[in-house]
Amino acid sequence: RSDVGEAMVFVSWALSTCMHSLVAALRRYLDNRGLDPATTFFWVRDFCEPVAEAARVGEVVRHISDTLLCLDSWDNSITLKRAWVVWQLYHTADAGAELDIVMNEDQDERFVNAVEEDYAVVQEALEAIDVRNITSPEEGIADMILNEINKMPGGFKRANAFIVQRLEAWVVSAAQRAVAERGDMAGQLAFNVAGLLEAQGDLSAARALWGQIVPAPAEKG
């Protein structure tokens, strides 16, 4: 079958996500990357081989070496509280695999509006992430995965740092893309994105963006 092939992207997602939102997010990923849907194959749990054992999840993530995190929301995300998702992200970090993040269009718009209104709210949402808050509808799974993460090098601290670091990079990238799309109409959004860059320690990028918003004064002749 031409619509089945070796998986190129491991999809990390919460099973509570509706199928329409998942498919929309995958389509956005393909569009953003300029990938051909006919030749790009995803590993989506419960549509491929069922993976229930912690060790097996790590093997699959490491073999594919390219993880796509489908977020249900940029703030208070259910996805980032799911035990299996956090376990998948931990193995993505441990293997040095690629990680990309995508949401559906409605959530992207919510995110951009939030940055435009008050970027500090976005920063606070990132700082609130803690893998120790994971849950699972499957009895005993959350405790089992927390125990496994805690036994790994770096434990909870490393897992939290990886997730927050990658989310911060995605936040800036998505916001900068929105600024570019708005062009001269970016205004407050561009100003707040510069603030986000400064808060994350990227002063050179923040200054460059501020320079685009506030032109340098003309030299006196």
C-alpha atoms as a PDB file:
ATOM      1  CA  ARG A   1       0.000   0.000   0.000  1.00  0.00           C
ATOM      2  CA  SER A   2       1.351   3.400  -0.990  1.00  0.00           C
ATOM      3  CA  ASP A   3      -0.168   5.063   2.084  1.00  0.00           C
ATOM      4  CA  VAL A   4       1.876   2.912   4.483  1.00  0.00           C
ATOM      5  CA  GLY A   5       5.633   3.123   5.009  1.00  0.00           C
ATOM      6  CA  GLU A   6       8.403   3.231   7.575  1.00  0.00           C
ATOM      7  CA  ALA A   7       7.627   5.923  10.156  1.00  0.00           C
ATOM      8  CA  MET A   8       9.682   9.104   9.815  1.00  0.00           C
ATOM      9  CA  VAL A   9       8.080  11.121  12.628  1.00  0.00           C
ATOM     10  CA  PHE A  10       6.998   9.908  16.066  1.00  0.00           C
ATOM     11  CA  VAL A  11       3.814  11.753  17.070  1.00  0.00           C
ATOM     12  CA  SER A  12       3.543  12.529  20.773  1.00  0.00           C
ATOM     13  CA  TRP A  13      -0.031  13.455  21.667  1.00  0.00           C
ATOM     14  CA  ALA A  14      -2.705  13.059  24.322  1.00  0.00           C
ATOM     15  CA  LEU A  15      -5.344  10.457  23.528  1.00  0.00           C
ATOM     16  CA  SER A  16      -7.948  12.934  24.785  1.00  0.00           C
ATOM     17  CA  THR A  17      -7.237  15.119  21.736  1.00  0.00           C
ATOM     18  CA  CYS A  18     -10.063  14.926  19.204  1.00  0.00           C
ATOM     19  CA  MET A  19      -9.114  13.374  15.873  1.00  0.00           C
ATOM     20  CA  HIS A  20     -10.032  16.513  13.927  1.00  0.00           C
ATOM     21  CA  SER A  21      -7.531  18.572  15.952  1.00  0.00           C
ATOM     22  CA  LEU A  22      -4.796  15.963  15.572  1.00  0.00           C
ATOM     23  CA  VAL A  23      -5.207  15.730  11.797  1.00  0.00           C
ATOM     24  CA  ALA A  24      -5.286  19.537  11.501  1.00  0.00           C
ATOM     25  CA  ALA A  25      -2.056  19.774  13.506  1.00  0.00           C
ATOM     26  CA  LEU A  26      -0.335  17.158  11.331  1.00  0.00           C
ATOM     27  CA  ARG A  27      -1.399  18.999   8.186  1.00  0.00           C
ATOM     28  CA  ARG A  28       0.051  22.240   9.583  1.00  0.00           C
ATOM     29  CA  TYR A  29       3.315  20.427  10.313  1.00  0.00           C
ATOM     30  CA  LEU A  30       3.498  19.171   6.731  1.00  0.00           C
ATOM     31  CA  ASP A  31       2.756  22.653   5.370  1.00  0.00           C
ATOM     32  CA  ASN A  32       5.275  24.367   7.670  1.00  0.00           C
ATOM     33  CA  ARG A  33       8.014  21.932   6.690  1.00  0.00           C
ATOM     34  CA  GLY A  34       7.067  21.792   3.015  1.00  0.00           C
ATOM     35  CA  LEU A  35       6.720  18.004   3.219  1.00  0.00           C
ATOM     36  CA  ASP A  36       4.811  15.776   0.809  1.00  0.00           C
ATOM     37  CA  PRO A  37       1.891  14.043   2.582  1.00  0.00           C
ATOM     38  CA  ALA A  38       2.219  11.104   0.193  1.00  0.00           C
ATOM     39  CA  THR A  39       5.787  10.327   1.293  1.00  0.00           C
ATOM     40  CA  THR A  40       5.782  11.430   4.953  1.00  0.00           C
ATOM     41  CA  PHE A  41       4.824   8.676   7.390  1.00  0.00           C
ATOM     42  CA  PHE A  42       3.879   9.199  11.042  1.00  0.00           C
ATOM     43  CA  TRP A  43       3.957   6.839  13.998  1.00  0.00           C
ATOM     44  CA  VAL A  44       0.727   7.583  15.855  1.00  0.00           C
ATOM     45  CA  ARG A  45       0.082   5.509  18.952  1.00  0.00           C
ATOM     46  CA  ASP A  46      -2.972   3.216  18.677  1.00  0.00           C
ATOM     47  CA  PHE A  47      -2.850   3.441  14.869  1.00  0.00           C
ATOM     48  CA  CYS A  48       0.472   1.642  14.666  1.00  0.00           C
ATOM     49  CA  GLU A  49       1.735  -1.169  16.875  1.00  0.00           C
ATOM     50  CA  PRO A  50       0.259  -0.630  20.363  1.00  0.00           C
ATOM     51  CA  VAL A  51       3.050   0.406  22.722  1.00  0.00           C
ATOM     52  CA  ALA A  52       2.363  -0.213  26.387  1.00  0.00           C
ATOM     53  CA  GLU A  53       5.770  -1.064  27.847  1.00  0.00           C
ATOM     54  CA  ALA A  54       8.011   1.791  28.978  1.00  0.00           C
ATOM     55  CA  ALA A  55      11.159   0.231  27.485  1.00  0.00           C
ATOM     56  CA  ARG A  56       9.496  -0.327  24.114  1.00  0.00           C
ATOM     57  CA  VAL A  57       8.404   3.330  23.910  1.00  0.00           C
ATOM     58  CA  GLY A  58      12.015   4.417  24.323  1.00  0.00           C
ATOM     59  CA  GLU A  59      13.157   2.035  21.587  1.00  0.00           C
ATOM     60  CA  VAL A  60      10.618   3.381  19.089  1.00  0.00           C
ATOM     61  CA  VAL A  61      11.391   7.036  19.871  1.00  0.00           C
ATOM     62  CA  ARG A  62      15.135   6.432  19.535  1.00  0.00           C
ATOM     63  CA  HIS A  63      14.789   4.477  16.290  1.00  0.00           C
ATOM     64  CA  ILE A  64      12.677   7.141  14.554  1.00  0.00           C
ATOM     65  CA  SER A  65      14.760   9.973  16.106  1.00  0.00           C
ATOM     66  CA  ASP A  66      12.300  12.712  15.122  1.00  0.00           C
ATOM     67  CA  THR A  67       9.475  13.562  17.531  1.00  0.00           C
ATOM     68  CA  LEU A  68       6.519  15.812  16.847  1.00  0.00           C
ATOM     69  CA  LEU A  69       4.690  17.091  19.917  1.00  0.00           C
ATOM     70  CA  CYS A  70       1.062  17.939  19.143  1.00  0.00           C
ATOM     71  CA  LEU A  71      -0.072  20.390  21.802  1.00  0.00           C
ATOM     72  CA  ASP A  72      -3.752  20.752  22.604  1.00  0.00           C
ATOM     73  CA  SER A  73      -3.109  24.229  24.029  1.00  0.00           C
ATOM     74  CA  TRP A  74      -0.169  26.551  24.680  1.00  0.00           C
ATOM     75  CA  ASP A  75      -1.357  27.220  28.252  1.00  0.00           C
ATOM     76  CA  ASN A  76      -2.259  24.618  30.878  1.00  0.00           C
ATOM     77  CA  SER A  77      -1.755  21.899  28.300  1.00  0.00           C
ATOM     78  CA  ILE A  78      -3.349  18.519  28.987  1.00  0.00           C
ATOM     79  CA  THR A  79      -0.819  16.974  26.617  1.00  0.00           C
ATOM     80  CA  LEU A  80       2.143  17.974  28.781  1.00  0.00           C
ATOM     81  CA  LYS A  81       0.502  16.373  31.821  1.00  0.00           C
ATOM     82  CA  ARG A  82       0.067  12.970  30.204  1.00  0.00           C
ATOM     83  CA  ALA A  83       2.490  10.361  31.538  1.00  0.00           C
ATOM     84  CA  TRP A  84       3.232   8.671  28.205  1.00  0.00           C
ATOM     85  CA  VAL A  85       3.855  12.023  26.489  1.00  0.00           C
ATOM     86  CA  VAL A  86       6.404  13.063  29.124  1.00  0.00           C
ATOM     87  CA  TRP A  87       8.090   9.657  28.871  1.00  0.00           C
ATOM     88  CA  GLN A  88       8.321  10.031  25.098  1.00  0.00           C
ATOM     89  CA  LEU A  89       9.784  13.525  25.457  1.00  0.00           C
ATOM     90  CA  TYR A  90      12.313  12.288  27.988  1.00  0.00           C
ATOM     91  CA  HIS A  91      13.580   9.683  25.518  1.00  0.00           C
ATOM     92  CA  THR A  92      13.617  12.301  22.766  1.00  0.00           C
ATOM     93  CA  ALA A  93      15.949  14.387  24.953  1.00  0.00           C
ATOM     94  CA  ASP A  94      18.072  11.457  26.054  1.00  0.00           C
ATOM     95  CA  ALA A  95      18.569  10.292  22.461  1.00  0.00           C
ATOM     96  CA  GLY A  96      19.369  13.782  21.190  1.00  0.00           C
ATOM     97  CA  ALA A  97      16.521  13.360  18.709  1.00  0.00           C
ATOM     98  CA  GLU A  98      14.801  16.202  16.880  1.00  0.00           C
ATOM     99  CA  LEU A  99      11.723  17.735  18.488  1.00  0.00           C
ATOM    100  CA  ASP A 100       9.184  19.882  16.700  1.00  0.00           C
ATOM    101  CA  ILE A 101       5.981  21.310  18.170  1.00  0.00           C
ATOM    102  CA  VAL A 102       2.691  22.051  16.461  1.00  0.00           C
ATOM    103  CA  MET A 103      -0.844  23.104  17.395  1.00  0.00           C
ATOM    104  CA  ASN A 104      -3.965  23.541  15.320  1.00  0.00           C
ATOM    105  CA  GLU A 105      -4.755  26.926  13.785  1.00  0.00           C
ATOM    106  CA  ASP A 106      -7.246  28.002  16.468  1.00  0.00           C
ATOM    107  CA  GLN A 107      -4.745  27.413  19.268  1.00  0.00           C
ATOM    108  CA  ASP A 108      -2.021  29.171  17.298  1.00  0.00           C
ATOM    109  CA  GLU A 109      -4.279  32.217  17.045  1.00  0.00           C
ATOM    110  CA  ARG A 110      -4.974  32.113  20.807  1.00  0.00           C
ATOM    111  CA  PHE A 111      -1.257  31.963  21.441  1.00  0.00           C
ATOM    112  CA  VAL A 112      -0.438  34.930  19.191  1.00  0.00           C
ATOM    113  CA  ASN A 113      -3.207  36.979  20.816  1.00  0.00           C
ATOM    114  CA  ALA A 114      -1.799  36.135  24.259  1.00  0.00           C
ATOM    115  CA  VAL A 115       1.700  37.270  23.273  1.00  0.00           C
ATOM    116  CA  GLU A 116       0.282  40.478  21.855  1.00  0.00           C
ATOM    117  CA  GLU A 117      -1.721  41.241  25.005  1.00  0.00           C
ATOM    118  CA  ASP A 118       0.846  40.282  27.663  1.00  0.00           C
ATOM    119  CA  TYR A 119       3.893  38.139  26.906  1.00  0.00           C
ATOM    120  CA  ALA A 120       4.508  37.686  30.664  1.00  0.00           C
ATOM    121  CA  VAL A 121       1.482  35.369  30.755  1.00  0.00           C
ATOM    122  CA  VAL A 122       3.185  33.117  28.217  1.00  0.00           C
ATOM    123  CA  GLN A 123       6.423  33.120  30.205  1.00  0.00           C
ATOM    124  CA  GLU A 124       4.531  32.221  33.396  1.00  0.00           C
ATOM    125  CA  ALA A 125       2.807  29.314  31.633  1.00  0.00           C
ATOM    126  CA  LEU A 126       6.207  27.892  30.642  1.00  0.00           C
ATOM    127  CA  GLU A 127       7.644  28.284  34.131  1.00  0.00           C
ATOM    128  CA  ALA A 128       4.684  26.372  35.604  1.00  0.00           C
ATOM    129  CA  ILE A 129       5.516  23.158  33.731  1.00  0.00           C
ATOM    130  CA  ASP A 130       6.569  20.300  36.013  1.00  0.00           C
ATOM    131  CA  VAL A 131       6.723  16.671  34.901  1.00  0.00           C
ATOM    132  CA  ARG A 132       5.960  15.573  38.473  1.00  0.00           C
ATOM    133  CA  ASN A 133       2.347  16.639  37.824  1.00  0.00           C
ATOM    134  CA  ILE A 134       1.745  13.973  35.169  1.00  0.00           C
ATOM    135  CA  THR A 135      -1.394  11.857  35.179  1.00  0.00           C
ATOM    136  CA  SER A 136      -2.709   8.818  33.356  1.00  0.00           C
ATOM    137  CA  PRO A 137      -6.135   7.188  33.034  1.00  0.00           C
ATOM    138  CA  GLU A 138      -4.297   3.842  33.252  1.00  0.00           C
ATOM    139  CA  GLU A 139      -3.816   2.774  36.866  1.00  0.00           C
ATOM    140  CA  GLY A 140      -0.202   2.807  38.031  1.00  0.00           C
ATOM    141  CA  ILE A 141       1.243   4.206  34.785  1.00  0.00           C
ATOM    142  CA  ALA A 142       2.017   7.710  36.091  1.00  0.00           C
ATOM    143  CA  ASP A 143       3.833   6.353  39.151  1.00  0.00           C
ATOM    144  CA  MET A 144       5.759   3.858  37.036  1.00  0.00           C
ATOM    145  CA  ILE A 145       6.940   6.514  34.590  1.00  0.00           C
ATOM    146  CA  LEU A 146       7.822   8.998  37.349  1.00  0.00           C
ATOM    147  CA  ASN A 147       9.914   6.288  38.972  1.00  0.00           C
ATOM    148  CA  GLU A 148      11.675   5.542  35.669  1.00  0.00           C
ATOM    149  CA  ILE A 149      12.420   9.232  35.005  1.00  0.00           C
ATOM    150  CA  ASN A 150      13.739   9.716  38.527  1.00  0.00           C
ATOM    151  CA  LYS A 151      16.187   6.819  38.024  1.00  0.00           C
ATOM    152  CA  MET A 152      17.553   8.332  34.803  1.00  0.00           C
ATOM    153  CA  PRO A 153      20.550  10.744  34.739  1.00  0.00           C
ATOM    154  CA  GLY A 154      19.283  14.210  35.642  1.00  0.00           C
ATOM    155  CA  GLY A 155      15.865  12.875  36.633  1.00  0.00           C
ATOM    156  CA  PHE A 156      12.992  15.341  36.937  1.00  0.00           C
ATOM    157  CA  LYS A 157      15.247  18.388  36.625  1.00  0.00           C
ATOM    158  CA  ARG A 158      16.578  17.291  33.240  1.00  0.00           C
ATOM    159  CA  ALA A 159      13.143  16.366  31.944  1.00  0.00           C
ATOM    160  CA  ASN A 160      11.677  19.720  32.999  1.00  0.00           C
ATOM    161  CA  ALA A 161      14.623  21.658  31.576  1.00  0.00           C
ATOM    162  CA  PHE A 162      14.343  19.911  28.217  1.00  0.00           C
ATOM    163  CA  ILE A 163      10.618  20.461  27.829  1.00  0.00           C
ATOM    164  CA  VAL A 164      10.762  24.114  28.897  1.00  0.00           C
ATOM    165  CA  GLN A 165      13.799  24.819  26.711  1.00  0.00           C
ATOM    166  CA  ARG A 166      12.138  23.365  23.625  1.00  0.00           C
ATOM    167  CA  LEU A 167       8.849  25.128  24.340  1.00  0.00           C
ATOM    168  CA  GLU A 168      10.656  28.450  24.768  1.00  0.00           C
ATOM    169  CA  ALA A 169      12.320  27.990  21.378  1.00  0.00           C
ATOM    170  CA  TRP A 170       8.974  27.122  19.793  1.00  0.00           C
ATOM    171  CA  VAL A 171       7.238  30.108  21.448  1.00  0.00           C
ATOM    172  CA  VAL A 172       9.763  32.548  19.995  1.00  0.00           C
ATOM    173  CA  SER A 173       9.765  30.879  16.577  1.00  0.00           C
ATOM    174  CA  ALA A 174       5.955  30.868  16.325  1.00  0.00           C
ATOM    175  CA  ALA A 175       5.710  34.469  17.540  1.00  0.00           C
ATOM    176  CA  GLN A 176       8.411  35.661  15.147  1.00  0.00           C
ATOM    177  CA  ARG A 177       6.587  33.946  12.296  1.00  0.00           C
ATOM    178  CA  ALA A 178       3.418  35.847  13.253  1.00  0.00           C
ATOM    179  CA  VAL A 179       5.379  39.123  13.306  1.00  0.00           C
ATOM    180  CA  ALA A 180       6.744  38.422   9.821  1.00  0.00           C
ATOM    181  CA  GLU A 181       3.255  37.634   8.517  1.00  0.00           C
ATOM    182  CA  ARG A 182       1.882  40.934   9.863  1.00  0.00           C
ATOM    183  CA  GLY A 183       4.787  42.990   8.592  1.00  0.00           C
ATOM    184  CA  ASP A 184       4.320  46.718   9.271  1.00  0.00           C
ATOM    185  CA  MET A 185       1.120  45.937  11.192  1.00  0.00           C
ATOM    186  CA  ALA A 186       2.933  43.868  13.864  1.00  0.00           C
ATOM    187  CA  GLY A 187       3.252  46.797  16.311  1.00  0.00           C
ATOM    188  CA  GLN A 188       2.615  45.639  19.880  1.00  0.00           C
ATOM    189  CA  LEU A 189       3.103  41.992  18.924  1.00  0.00           C
ATOM    190  CA  ALA A 190       6.625  42.700  17.681  1.00  0.00           C
ATOM    191  CA  PHE A 191       7.393  44.728  20.813  1.00  0.00           C
ATOM    192  CA  ASN A 192       6.253  41.881  23.075  1.00  0.00           C
ATOM    193  CA  VAL A 193       8.178  39.259  21.093  1.00  0.00           C
ATOM    194  CA  ALA A 194      11.295  41.351  21.683  1.00  0.00           C
ATOM    195  CA  GLY A 195      10.405  41.281  25.375  1.00  0.00           C
ATOM    196  CA  LEU A 196      10.142  37.490  25.267  1.00  0.00           C
ATOM    197  CA  LEU A 197      13.560  37.269  23.619  1.00  0.00           C
ATOM    198  CA  GLU A 198      15.027  39.473  26.326  1.00  0.00           C
ATOM    199  CA  ALA A 199      13.389  37.385  29.083  1.00  0.00           C
ATOM    200  CA  GLN A 200      14.952  34.255  27.570  1.00  0.00           C
ATOM    201  CA  GLY A 201      18.392  35.876  27.463  1.00  0.00           C
ATOM    202  CA  ASP A 202      18.655  36.428  23.706  1.00  0.00           C
ATOM    203  CA  LEU A 203      19.578  40.114  23.950  1.00  0.00           C
ATOM    204  CA  SER A 204      21.021  40.458  20.448  1.00  0.00           C
ATOM    205  CA  ALA A 205      17.810  39.177  18.813  1.00  0.00           C
ATOM    206  CA  ALA A 206      15.707  41.367  21.120  1.00  0.00           C
ATOM    207  CA  ARG A 207      17.732  44.474  20.200  1.00  0.00           C
ATOM    208  CA  ALA A 208      17.501  43.637  16.502  1.00  0.00           C
ATOM    209  CA  LEU A 209      13.712  43.387  16.698  1.00  0.00           C
ATOM    210  CA  TRP A 210      13.441  46.571  18.745  1.00  0.00           C
ATOM    211  CA  GLY A 211      15.571  48.239  16.089  1.00  0.00           C
ATOM    212  CA  GLN A 212      12.958  47.322  13.485  1.00  0.00           C
ATOM    213  CA  ILE A 213      10.154  48.703  15.630  1.00  0.00           C
ATOM    214  CA  VAL A 214      11.863  51.931  16.682  1.00  0.00           C
ATOM    215  CA  PRO A 215      14.068  53.298  13.874  1.00  0.00           C
ATOM    216  CA  ALA A 216      17.356  54.843  14.907  1.00  0.00           C
ATOM    217  CA  PRO A 217      17.269  58.665  15.056  1.00  0.00           C
ATOM    218  CA  ALA A 218      18.486  60.457  11.959  1.00  0.00           C
ATOM    219  CA  GLU A 219      21.963  61.921  12.179  1.00  0.00           C
ATOM    220  CA  LYS A 220      22.133  65.671  12.478  1.00  0.00           C
ATOM    221  CA  GLY A 221      23.655  67.248   9.415  1.00  0.00           C
END
